[in-house]
PDB file of all heavy atoms in Angstrom:
ATOM      1  N   PHE A   1      91.903 102.932  96.754  1.00  0.00           N
ATOM      2  CA  PHE A   1      91.889 104.172  97.597  1.00  0.00           C
ATOM      3  C   PHE A   1      91.707 103.827  99.093  1.00  0.00           C
ATOM      4  O   PHE A   1      91.084 104.466  99.824  1.00  0.00           O
ATOM      5  CB  PHE A   1      90.831 105.191  97.209  1.00  0.00           C
ATOM      6  CG  PHE A   1      90.961 105.582  95.692  1.00  0.00           C
ATOM      7  CD1 PHE A   1      89.875 105.841  94.933  1.00  0.00           C
ATOM      8  CD2 PHE A   1      92.229 105.752  95.140  1.00  0.00           C
ATOM      9  CE1 PHE A   1      90.048 106.188  93.551  1.00  0.00           C
ATOM     10  CE2 PHE A   1      92.365 106.216  93.879  1.00  0.00           C
ATOM     11  CZ  PHE A   1      91.259 106.393  93.049  1.00  0.00           C
ATOM     12  N   THR A   2      92.318 102.706  99.489  1.00  0.00           N
ATOM     13  CA  THR A   2      92.318 102.291 100.882  1.00  0.00           C
ATOM     14  C   THR A   2      93.806 101.934 101.259  1.00  0.00           C
ATOM     15  O   THR A   2      94.654 101.743 100.437  1.00  0.00           O
ATOM     16  CB  THR A   2      91.441 101.097 101.152  1.00  0.00           C
ATOM     17  OG1 THR A   2      91.973  99.951 100.415  1.00  0.00           O
ATOM     18  CG2 THR A   2      90.065 101.343 100.735  1.00  0.00           C
ATOM     19  N   LEU A   3      94.079 101.885 102.607  1.00  0.00           N
ATOM     20  CA  LEU A   3      95.378 101.514 103.019  1.00  0.00           C
ATOM     21  C   LEU A   3      95.785 100.107 102.624  1.00  0.00           C
ATOM     22  O   LEU A   3      96.901  99.940 102.179  1.00  0.00           O
ATOM     23  CB  LEU A   3      95.424 101.646 104.602  1.00  0.00           C
ATOM     24  CG  LEU A   3      96.838 101.505 105.245  1.00  0.00           C
ATOM     25  CD1 LEU A   3      97.751 102.618 104.733  1.00  0.00           C
ATOM     26  CD2 LEU A   3      96.672 101.584 106.766  1.00  0.00           C
ATOM     27  N   PRO A   4      94.868  99.081 102.741  1.00  0.00           N
ATOM     28  CA  PRO A   4      95.323  97.795 102.181  1.00  0.00           C
ATOM     29  C   PRO A   4      95.599  97.757 100.759  1.00  0.00           C
ATOM     30  O   PRO A   4      96.590  97.051 100.301  1.00  0.00           O
ATOM     31  CB  PRO A   4      94.056  96.870 102.500  1.00  0.00           C
ATOM     32  CG  PRO A   4      93.365  97.591 103.714  1.00  0.00           C
ATOM     33  CD  PRO A   4      93.586  99.070 103.426  1.00  0.00           C
ATOM     34  N   GLY A   5      94.879  98.442  99.902  1.00  0.00           N
ATOM     35  CA  GLY A   5      95.242  98.572  98.502  1.00  0.00           C
ATOM     36  C   GLY A   5      96.637  99.152  98.261  1.00  0.00           C
ATOM     37  O   GLY A   5      97.365  98.707  97.414  1.00  0.00           O
ATOM     38  N   MET A   6      96.927 100.206  99.022  1.00  0.00           N
ATOM     39  CA  MET A   6      98.178 100.874  98.980  1.00  0.00           C
ATOM     40  C   MET A   6      99.284  99.866  99.331  1.00  0.00           C
ATOM     41  O   MET A   6     100.395  99.809  98.747  1.00  0.00           O
ATOM     42  CB  MET A   6      98.187 102.046  99.723  1.00  0.00           C
ATOM     43  CG  MET A   6      99.387 103.017  99.461  1.00  0.00           C
ATOM     44  SD  MET A   6      99.118 104.649 100.158  1.00  0.00           S
ATOM     45  CE  MET A   6      98.889 104.314 101.886  1.00  0.00           C
ATOM     46  N   VAL A   7      99.046  99.090 100.376  1.00  0.00           N
ATOM     47  CA  VAL A   7      99.976  98.115 100.887  1.00  0.00           C
ATOM     48  C   VAL A   7     100.307  97.099  99.801  1.00  0.00           C
ATOM     49  O   VAL A   7     101.446  96.541  99.607  1.00  0.00           O
ATOM     50  CB  VAL A   7      99.570  97.456 102.188  1.00  0.00           C
ATOM     51  CG1 VAL A   7     100.335  96.187 102.561  1.00  0.00           C
ATOM     52  CG2 VAL A   7      99.535  98.444 103.292  1.00  0.00           C
ATOM     53  N   ILE A   8      99.298  96.599  99.037  1.00  0.00           N
ATOM     54  CA  ILE A   8      99.536  95.603  97.980  1.00  0.00           C
ATOM     55  C   ILE A   8     100.563  96.131  96.988  1.00  0.00           C
ATOM     56  O   ILE A   8     101.448  95.434  96.617  1.00  0.00           O
ATOM     57  CB  ILE A   8      98.161  95.267  97.259  1.00  0.00           C
ATOM     58  CG1 ILE A   8      97.294  94.555  98.260  1.00  0.00           C
ATOM     59  CG2 ILE A   8      98.459  94.494  96.050  1.00  0.00           C
ATOM     60  CD1 ILE A   8      95.868  94.299  97.757  1.00  0.00           C
ATOM     61  N   GLY A   9     100.374  97.357  96.596  1.00  0.00           N
ATOM     62  CA  GLY A   9     101.220  97.924  95.549  1.00  0.00           C
ATOM     63  C   GLY A   9     102.623  98.132  96.105  1.00  0.00           C
ATOM     64  O   GLY A   9     103.651  97.825  95.418  1.00  0.00           O
ATOM     65  N   GLN A  10     102.780  98.611  97.316  1.00  0.00           N
ATOM     66  CA  GLN A  10     104.079  98.772  97.972  1.00  0.00           C
ATOM     67  C   GLN A  10     104.741  97.464  98.201  1.00  0.00           C
ATOM     68  O   GLN A  10     106.030  97.379  98.109  1.00  0.00           O
ATOM     69  CB  GLN A  10     103.948  99.577  99.194  1.00  0.00           C
ATOM     70  CG  GLN A  10     103.554 101.054  98.998  1.00  0.00           C
ATOM     71  CD  GLN A  10     103.396 101.848 100.204  1.00  0.00           C
ATOM     72  OE1 GLN A  10     103.109 101.235 101.310  1.00  0.00           O
ATOM     73  NE2 GLN A  10     103.455 103.166 100.137  1.00  0.00           N
ATOM     74  N   THR A  11     103.978  96.400  98.490  1.00  0.00           N
ATOM     75  CA  THR A  11     104.620  95.060  98.631  1.00  0.00           C
ATOM     76  C   THR A  11     105.253  94.672  97.353  1.00  0.00           C
ATOM     77  O   THR A  11     106.352  94.043  97.335  1.00  0.00           O
ATOM     78  CB  THR A  11     103.518  94.062  99.134  1.00  0.00           C
ATOM     79  OG1 THR A  11     103.015  94.544 100.404  1.00  0.00           O
ATOM     80  CG2 THR A  11     104.154  92.735  99.301  1.00  0.00           C
ATOM     81  N   LEU A  12     104.501  94.800  96.238  1.00  0.00           N
ATOM     82  CA  LEU A  12     105.059  94.399  94.881  1.00  0.00           C
ATOM     83  C   LEU A  12     106.288  95.203  94.565  1.00  0.00           C
ATOM     84  O   LEU A  12     107.116  94.719  93.834  1.00  0.00           O
ATOM     85  CB  LEU A  12     103.931  94.567  93.815  1.00  0.00           C
ATOM     86  CG  LEU A  12     102.799  93.629  93.943  1.00  0.00           C
ATOM     87  CD1 LEU A  12     101.747  93.957  92.835  1.00  0.00           C
ATOM     88  CD2 LEU A  12     103.158  92.208  93.936  1.00  0.00           C
ATOM     89  N   LEU A  13     106.365  96.444  95.040  1.00  0.00           N
ATOM     90  CA  LEU A  13     107.443  97.307  94.791  1.00  0.00           C
ATOM     91  C   LEU A  13     108.739  96.854  95.504  1.00  0.00           C
ATOM     92  O   LEU A  13     109.869  96.746  95.057  1.00  0.00           O
ATOM     93  CB  LEU A  13     107.167  98.741  95.214  1.00  0.00           C
ATOM     94  CG  LEU A  13     108.338  99.773  95.069  1.00  0.00           C
ATOM     95  CD1 LEU A  13     108.686  99.953  93.741  1.00  0.00           C
ATOM     96  CD2 LEU A  13     107.833 101.140  95.708  1.00  0.00           C
ATOM     97  N   ALA A  14     108.518  96.327  96.797  1.00  0.00           N
ATOM     98  CA  ALA A  14     109.617  95.898  97.676  1.00  0.00           C
ATOM     99  C   ALA A  14     110.020  94.411  97.323  1.00  0.00           C
ATOM    100  O   ALA A  14     111.263  94.123  97.576  1.00  0.00           O
ATOM    101  CB  ALA A  14     109.308  95.983  99.121  1.00  0.00           C
ATOM    102  N   LEU A  15     109.163  93.629  96.777  1.00  0.00           N
ATOM    103  CA  LEU A  15     109.364  92.198  96.595  1.00  0.00           C
ATOM    104  C   LEU A  15     110.662  91.855  95.746  1.00  0.00           C
ATOM    105  O   LEU A  15     111.496  91.054  96.177  1.00  0.00           O
ATOM    106  CB  LEU A  15     108.163  91.519  96.074  1.00  0.00           C
ATOM    107  CG  LEU A  15     108.146  89.997  96.112  1.00  0.00           C
ATOM    108  CD1 LEU A  15     108.375  89.483  97.515  1.00  0.00           C
ATOM    109  CD2 LEU A  15     106.816  89.451  95.460  1.00  0.00           C
ATOM    110  N   PRO A  16     110.830  92.565  94.605  1.00  0.00           N
ATOM    111  CA  PRO A  16     112.026  92.223  93.804  1.00  0.00           C
ATOM    112  C   PRO A  16     113.306  92.552  94.599  1.00  0.00           C
ATOM    113  O   PRO A  16     114.272  91.826  94.316  1.00  0.00           O
ATOM    114  CB  PRO A  16     111.874  93.135  92.474  1.00  0.00           C
ATOM    115  CG  PRO A  16     110.402  93.366  92.460  1.00  0.00           C
ATOM    116  CD  PRO A  16     109.953  93.432  93.898  1.00  0.00           C
ATOM    117  N   ILE A  17     113.312  93.622  95.323  1.00  0.00           N
ATOM    118  CA  ILE A  17     114.491  94.006  96.023  1.00  0.00           C
ATOM    119  C   ILE A  17     114.861  92.852  97.104  1.00  0.00           C
ATOM    120  O   ILE A  17     116.068  92.423  97.103  1.00  0.00           O
ATOM    121  CB  ILE A  17     114.268  95.323  96.852  1.00  0.00           C
ATOM    122  CG1 ILE A  17     114.001  96.476  95.816  1.00  0.00           C
ATOM    123  CG2 ILE A  17     115.439  95.670  97.731  1.00  0.00           C
ATOM    124  CD1 ILE A  17     113.695  97.776  96.444  1.00  0.00           C
ATOM    125  N   VAL A  18     113.891  92.417  97.762  1.00  0.00           N
ATOM    126  CA  VAL A  18     114.058  91.343  98.791  1.00  0.00           C
ATOM    127  C   VAL A  18     114.611  90.127  98.052  1.00  0.00           C
ATOM    128  O   VAL A  18     115.539  89.440  98.550  1.00  0.00           O
ATOM    129  CB  VAL A  18     112.846  91.185  99.569  1.00  0.00           C
ATOM    130  CG1 VAL A  18     113.090  89.954 100.551  1.00  0.00           C
ATOM    131  CG2 VAL A  18     112.447  92.397 100.361  1.00  0.00           C
ATOM    132  N   VAL A  19     113.874  89.671  97.002  1.00  0.00           N
ATOM    133  CA  VAL A  19     114.155  88.455  96.411  1.00  0.00           C
ATOM    134  C   VAL A  19     115.650  88.426  95.751  1.00  0.00           C
ATOM    135  O   VAL A  19     116.520  87.578  96.017  1.00  0.00           O
ATOM    136  CB  VAL A  19     113.220  88.052  95.286  1.00  0.00           C
ATOM    137  CG1 VAL A  19     113.706  86.865  94.475  1.00  0.00           C
ATOM    138  CG2 VAL A  19     111.847  87.853  95.901  1.00  0.00           C
ATOM    139  N   SER A  20     115.879  89.455  94.963  1.00  0.00           N
ATOM    140  CA  SER A  20     117.128  89.555  94.243  1.00  0.00           C
ATOM    141  C   SER A  20     118.338  89.754  95.139  1.00  0.00           C
ATOM    142  O   SER A  20     119.404  89.032  95.008  1.00  0.00           O
ATOM    143  CB  SER A  20     117.211  90.641  93.273  1.00  0.00           C
ATOM    144  OG  SER A  20     116.310  90.435  92.107  1.00  0.00           O
ATOM    145  N   TRP A  21     118.265  90.615  96.121  1.00  0.00           N
ATOM    146  CA  TRP A  21     119.331  90.862  97.041  1.00  0.00           C
ATOM    147  C   TRP A  21     119.584  89.804  98.052  1.00  0.00           C
ATOM    148  O   TRP A  21     120.715  89.579  98.478  1.00  0.00           O
ATOM    149  CB  TRP A  21     119.188  92.214  97.598  1.00  0.00           C
ATOM    150  CG  TRP A  21     119.390  93.378  96.763  1.00  0.00           C
ATOM    151  CD1 TRP A  21     119.137  93.417  95.373  1.00  0.00           C
ATOM    152  CD2 TRP A  21     119.813  94.684  97.120  1.00  0.00           C
ATOM    153  NE1 TRP A  21     119.444  94.646  94.870  1.00  0.00           N
ATOM    154  CE2 TRP A  21     119.838  95.480  95.897  1.00  0.00           C
ATOM    155  CE3 TRP A  21     120.149  95.326  98.233  1.00  0.00           C
ATOM    156  CZ2 TRP A  21     120.213  96.769  95.816  1.00  0.00           C
ATOM    157  CZ3 TRP A  21     120.568  96.656  98.242  1.00  0.00           C
ATOM    158  CH2 TRP A  21     120.564  97.423  97.062  1.00  0.00           C
ATOM    159  N   THR A  22     118.487  89.054  98.498  1.00  0.00           N
ATOM    160  CA  THR A  22     118.718  87.897  99.245  1.00  0.00           C
ATOM    161  C   THR A  22     119.404  86.763  98.526  1.00  0.00           C
ATOM    162  O   THR A  22     120.329  86.118  99.013  1.00  0.00           O
ATOM    163  CB  THR A  22     117.326  87.357  99.845  1.00  0.00           C
ATOM    164  OG1 THR A  22     116.647  88.472 100.508  1.00  0.00           O
ATOM    165  CG2 THR A  22     117.557  86.132 100.638  1.00  0.00           C
ATOM    166  N   ALA A  23     119.029  86.584  97.239  1.00  0.00           N
ATOM    167  CA  ALA A  23     119.632  85.606  96.440  1.00  0.00           C
ATOM    168  C   ALA A  23     121.180  85.935  96.256  1.00  0.00           C
ATOM    169  O   ALA A  23     122.106  85.092  96.331  1.00  0.00           O
ATOM    170  CB  ALA A  23     119.010  85.450  95.066  1.00  0.00           C
ATOM    171  N   GLN A  24     121.464  87.235  96.034  1.00  0.00           N
ATOM    172  CA  GLN A  24     122.880  87.599  95.909  1.00  0.00           C
ATOM    173  C   GLN A  24     123.622  87.402  97.246  1.00  0.00           C
ATOM    174  O   GLN A  24     124.798  87.080  97.196  1.00  0.00           O
ATOM    175  CB  GLN A  24     122.946  89.037  95.517  1.00  0.00           C
ATOM    176  CG  GLN A  24     124.284  89.654  95.301  1.00  0.00           C
ATOM    177  CD  GLN A  24     124.317  91.109  94.805  1.00  0.00           C
ATOM    178  OE1 GLN A  24     123.318  91.630  94.421  1.00  0.00           O
ATOM    179  NE2 GLN A  24     125.504  91.628  94.852  1.00  0.00           N
ATOM    180  N   ALA A  25     122.964  87.719  98.360  1.00  0.00           N
ATOM    181  CA  ALA A  25     123.654  87.524  99.608  1.00  0.00           C
ATOM    182  C   ALA A  25     123.986  86.029  99.898  1.00  0.00           C
ATOM    183  O   ALA A  25     125.049  85.693 100.410  1.00  0.00           O
ATOM    184  CB  ALA A  25     122.721  88.023 100.706  1.00  0.00           C
TER     185      ALA A  25
END
């Protein structure tokens, strides 16, 4: 229930997008 905790979850949400699409590029 803090901003850093929320950032951790959102980072995990964005990470597969960055990894997979960078590999594809």
